Amino acid sequence: MPDDKIKKLHEAVSQQFDVGTVEEFTQKLQDPTKRQAFYDAAAKDYDLGDYDTFSDKVSLKKKAESTPSISPS
């Protein structure tokens, strides 16, 4: 399921850019090369912030499960 931020971005840019469905757009944004190309094109017309912030917002990184460390007694 696409992230809400990606859905909102898709709604905003799909009128001007051919980005496909929300699912296709989400998948494309996971590829760093395609994400950079989209950012470069869309940042001319939309305030997307700096690239690193944009990239963090649209990357669907799986959160690593934290395991508590157990120290030997």
C-alpha atoms as a PDB file:
ATOM      1  CA  MET A   1       0.000   0.000   0.000  1.00  0.00           C
ATOM      2  CA  PRO A   2       1.541   3.318  -1.014  1.00  0.00           C
ATOM      3  CA  ASP A   3       2.452   5.812   1.644  1.00  0.00           C
ATOM      4  CA  ASP A   4       0.093   8.805   2.075  1.00  0.00           C
ATOM      5  CA  LYS A   5       2.894  11.236   1.170  1.00  0.00           C
ATOM      6  CA  ILE A   6       3.416   9.440  -2.123  1.00  0.00           C
ATOM      7  CA  LYS A   7      -0.347   9.414  -2.815  1.00  0.00           C
ATOM      8  CA  LYS A   8      -0.543  13.178  -2.251  1.00  0.00           C
ATOM      9  CA  LEU A   9       2.494  13.779  -4.440  1.00  0.00           C
ATOM     10  CA  HIS A  10       0.985  11.565  -7.146  1.00  0.00           C
ATOM     11  CA  GLU A  11      -2.282  13.522  -7.056  1.00  0.00           C
ATOM     12  CA  ALA A  12      -0.411  16.809  -7.389  1.00  0.00           C
ATOM     13  CA  VAL A  13       1.942  15.862 -10.215  1.00  0.00           C
ATOM     14  CA  SER A  14      -0.150  13.419 -12.262  1.00  0.00           C
ATOM     15  CA  GLN A  15      -1.924  16.284 -14.028  1.00  0.00           C
ATOM     16  CA  GLN A  16       1.369  17.525 -15.459  1.00  0.00           C
ATOM     17  CA  PHE A  17       3.536  14.402 -15.592  1.00  0.00           C
ATOM     18  CA  ASP A  18       2.789  10.923 -16.912  1.00  0.00           C
ATOM     19  CA  VAL A  19       3.664   9.030 -13.730  1.00  0.00           C
ATOM     20  CA  GLY A  20       1.319   6.061 -14.120  1.00  0.00           C
ATOM     21  CA  THR A  21      -0.830   4.670 -11.338  1.00  0.00           C
ATOM     22  CA  VAL A  22      -0.070   5.343  -7.681  1.00  0.00           C
ATOM     23  CA  GLU A  23       1.405   1.853  -7.418  1.00  0.00           C
ATOM     24  CA  GLU A  24       3.616   2.353 -10.495  1.00  0.00           C
ATOM     25  CA  PHE A  25       4.698   5.780  -9.263  1.00  0.00           C
ATOM     26  CA  THR A  26       5.534   4.359  -5.833  1.00  0.00           C
ATOM     27  CA  GLN A  27       7.612   1.600  -7.426  1.00  0.00           C
ATOM     28  CA  LYS A  28       9.474   4.050  -9.676  1.00  0.00           C
ATOM     29  CA  LEU A  29      10.342   6.250  -6.706  1.00  0.00           C
ATOM     30  CA  GLN A  30      12.096   3.311  -5.040  1.00  0.00           C
ATOM     31  CA  ASP A  31      14.720   3.293  -7.810  1.00  0.00           C
ATOM     32  CA  PRO A  32      17.338   5.965  -6.922  1.00  0.00           C
ATOM     33  CA  THR A  33      18.004   6.816 -10.588  1.00  0.00           C
ATOM     34  CA  LYS A  34      14.312   7.253 -11.429  1.00  0.00           C
ATOM     35  CA  ARG A  35      13.710   9.139  -8.167  1.00  0.00           C
ATOM     36  CA  GLN A  36      16.503  11.597  -9.016  1.00  0.00           C
ATOM     37  CA  ALA A  37      15.203  12.058 -12.589  1.00  0.00           C
ATOM     38  CA  PHE A  38      11.671  12.714 -11.325  1.00  0.00           C
ATOM     39  CA  TYR A  39      12.954  15.134  -8.689  1.00  0.00           C
ATOM     40  CA  ASP A  40      15.030  17.050 -11.242  1.00  0.00           C
ATOM     41  CA  ALA A  41      12.013  17.458 -13.553  1.00  0.00           C
ATOM     42  CA  ALA A  42       9.329  18.122 -10.928  1.00  0.00           C
ATOM     43  CA  ALA A  43      11.381  20.457  -8.712  1.00  0.00           C
ATOM     44  CA  LYS A  44      11.210  23.064 -11.477  1.00  0.00           C
ATOM     45  CA  ASP A  45       7.440  23.392 -10.956  1.00  0.00           C
ATOM     46  CA  TYR A  46       6.901  22.092  -7.403  1.00  0.00           C
ATOM     47  CA  ASP A  47       8.481  22.930  -4.078  1.00  0.00           C
ATOM     48  CA  LEU A  48       9.896  19.532  -3.153  1.00  0.00           C
ATOM     49  CA  GLY A  49      12.542  20.758  -0.739  1.00  0.00           C
ATOM     50  CA  ASP A  50      16.104  19.517  -1.026  1.00  0.00           C
ATOM     51  CA  TYR A  51      16.734  16.146  -2.656  1.00  0.00           C
ATOM     52  CA  ASP A  52      17.812  14.323   0.505  1.00  0.00           C
ATOM     53  CA  THR A  53      14.642  15.308   2.374  1.00  0.00           C
ATOM     54  CA  PHE A  54      12.501  14.402  -0.641  1.00  0.00           C
ATOM     55  CA  SER A  55      14.260  11.061  -0.982  1.00  0.00           C
ATOM     56  CA  ASP A  56      13.731  10.239   2.705  1.00  0.00           C
ATOM     57  CA  LYS A  57      10.012  11.028   2.418  1.00  0.00           C
ATOM     58  CA  VAL A  58       9.327   8.875  -0.631  1.00  0.00           C
ATOM     59  CA  SER A  59      11.609   5.924   0.067  1.00  0.00           C
ATOM     60  CA  LEU A  60       9.735   2.995   1.517  1.00  0.00           C
ATOM     61  CA  LYS A  61      12.618   1.609   3.496  1.00  0.00           C
ATOM     62  CA  LYS A  62      11.652  -1.282   5.668  1.00  0.00           C
ATOM     63  CA  LYS A  63      12.299  -0.365   9.233  1.00  0.00           C
ATOM     64  CA  ALA A  64      14.789  -2.713  10.815  1.00  0.00           C
ATOM     65  CA  GLU A  65      13.393  -4.536  13.748  1.00  0.00           C
ATOM     66  CA  SER A  66      15.302  -3.580  16.824  1.00  0.00           C
ATOM     67  CA  THR A  67      16.330  -6.430  19.013  1.00  0.00           C
ATOM     68  CA  PRO A  68      17.155  -5.609  22.565  1.00  0.00           C
ATOM     69  CA  SER A  69      20.746  -6.333  23.433  1.00  0.00           C
ATOM     70  CA  ILE A  70      21.210  -8.688  26.263  1.00  0.00           C
ATOM     71  CA  SER A  71      24.428  -8.356  28.194  1.00  0.00           C
ATOM     72  CA  PRO A  72      25.750 -11.490  29.796  1.00  0.00           C
ATOM     73  CA  SER A  73      25.628 -11.307  33.584  1.00  0.00           C
END
